[in-house]
């Protein structure tokens, strides 16, 4: 599907307008030289400690995406990050 985040594959395909749902913990840091489906390139706009993980906000085009990452993740505000997720992690709901 084409959306504001780019070209994404979702397991469940619906006809008509849909809303895409991504769980923050389903996003993983990707190799910057790689490519493929379900890849998001963005800039970290917020980074913080959230107990068992780090919580980031990443600006992908005009959309802000929340990403939960392991405590060892070294990204900081202003960094460009490359994230990806499986098609099973891309949920679509009508609307």
Protein backbone atom coordinates (compact mmCIF):
# COMPACT_ATOMS: atom_id res chain seq x y z
CA UNK A 1 0.00 0.00 0.00
CA UNK A 2 1.11 3.56 -0.62
CA UNK A 3 0.83 5.85 2.40
CA UNK A 4 2.46 8.91 3.92
CA UNK A 5 5.21 6.67 5.31
CA UNK A 6 6.03 5.26 1.86
CA UNK A 7 5.40 1.87 0.28
CA UNK A 8 4.37 -0.66 2.95
CA UNK A 9 3.14 -4.25 2.81
CA UNK A 10 0.43 -5.34 5.20
CA UNK A 11 -0.80 -8.87 5.77
CA UNK A 12 -4.45 -7.81 5.63
CA UNK A 13 -5.42 -5.91 2.48
CA UNK A 14 -8.72 -4.00 2.54
CA UNK A 15 -10.60 -2.21 -0.20
CA UNK A 16 -11.11 1.53 0.17
CA UNK A 17 -9.54 3.97 2.62
CA UNK A 18 -7.71 2.43 5.57
CA UNK A 19 -5.84 3.53 8.67
CA UNK A 20 -2.42 1.96 9.17
CA UNK A 21 -1.52 0.83 12.70
CA UNK A 22 2.09 0.06 13.69
CA UNK A 23 2.98 -1.08 17.20
CA UNK A 24 5.99 0.93 18.46
CA UNK A 25 7.82 -2.23 19.55
CA UNK A 26 7.41 -3.83 16.10
CA UNK A 27 9.87 -1.36 14.54
CA UNK A 28 13.53 -2.40 14.53
CA UNK A 29 16.67 -0.51 13.63
CA UNK A 30 17.74 -1.42 10.09
CA UNK A 31 21.01 -1.36 8.16
CA UNK A 32 21.30 2.07 6.47
CA UNK A 33 22.64 0.46 3.28
CA UNK A 34 19.77 -2.00 2.97
CA UNK A 35 16.44 -1.65 1.24
CA UNK A 36 13.20 -3.43 0.79
CA UNK A 37 9.59 -3.23 1.86
CA UNK A 38 8.36 -1.78 5.13
CA UNK A 39 11.36 0.46 5.55
CA UNK A 40 11.04 3.89 7.16
CA UNK A 41 13.75 6.54 6.99
CA UNK A 42 13.38 9.42 9.39
CA UNK A 43 14.91 11.83 11.88
CA UNK A 44 14.69 11.39 15.65
CA UNK A 45 12.76 14.32 17.15
CA UNK A 46 12.45 13.01 20.71
CA UNK A 47 14.37 10.43 22.74
CA UNK A 48 13.85 9.31 26.30
CA UNK A 49 14.04 6.55 28.89
CA UNK A 50 10.82 4.60 29.44
CA UNK A 51 11.72 1.98 32.06
CA UNK A 52 12.25 -1.24 30.10
CA UNK A 53 13.02 0.49 26.77
CA UNK A 54 13.85 3.79 25.11
CA UNK A 55 10.99 5.76 23.55
CA UNK A 56 11.67 7.72 20.38
CA UNK A 57 9.59 9.90 18.13
CA UNK A 58 10.80 9.77 14.54
CA UNK A 59 9.68 12.20 11.80
CA UNK A 60 9.09 10.24 8.58
CA UNK A 61 8.12 12.78 5.94
CA UNK A 62 5.22 14.67 7.51
CA UNK A 63 4.30 11.89 9.97
CA UNK A 64 5.57 11.33 13.50
CA UNK A 65 6.11 7.65 14.39
CA UNK A 66 6.66 6.32 17.91
CA UNK A 67 9.40 3.69 18.21
CA UNK A 68 10.22 1.60 21.30
CA UNK A 69 13.80 0.33 21.21
CA UNK A 70 16.13 -1.59 23.52
CA UNK A 71 17.91 0.43 26.21
CA UNK A 72 21.20 -0.12 24.37
CA UNK A 73 20.01 1.84 21.29
CA UNK A 74 22.38 4.73 20.60
CA UNK A 75 20.11 7.07 18.57
CA UNK A 76 19.73 10.68 19.72
CA UNK A 77 17.66 13.72 18.71
CA UNK A 78 18.70 14.86 15.24
CA UNK A 79 20.00 11.46 14.12
CA UNK A 80 18.75 9.89 10.90
CA UNK A 81 17.47 6.38 11.56
CA UNK A 82 16.37 3.55 9.30
CA UNK A 83 13.56 1.40 10.70
CA UNK A 84 11.73 -1.61 9.36
CA UNK A 85 8.96 -3.97 10.36
CA UNK A 86 7.40 -7.16 9.07
CA UNK A 87 4.22 -7.15 7.00
CA UNK A 88 2.55 -8.99 9.91
CA UNK A 89 3.22 -5.92 12.08
CA UNK A 90 1.39 -3.59 9.64
CA UNK A 91 -2.27 -3.63 10.58
CA UNK A 92 -4.96 -1.96 8.52
CA UNK A 93 -8.41 -0.99 9.75
CA UNK A 94 -11.24 0.53 7.69
CA UNK A 95 -11.37 4.29 7.61
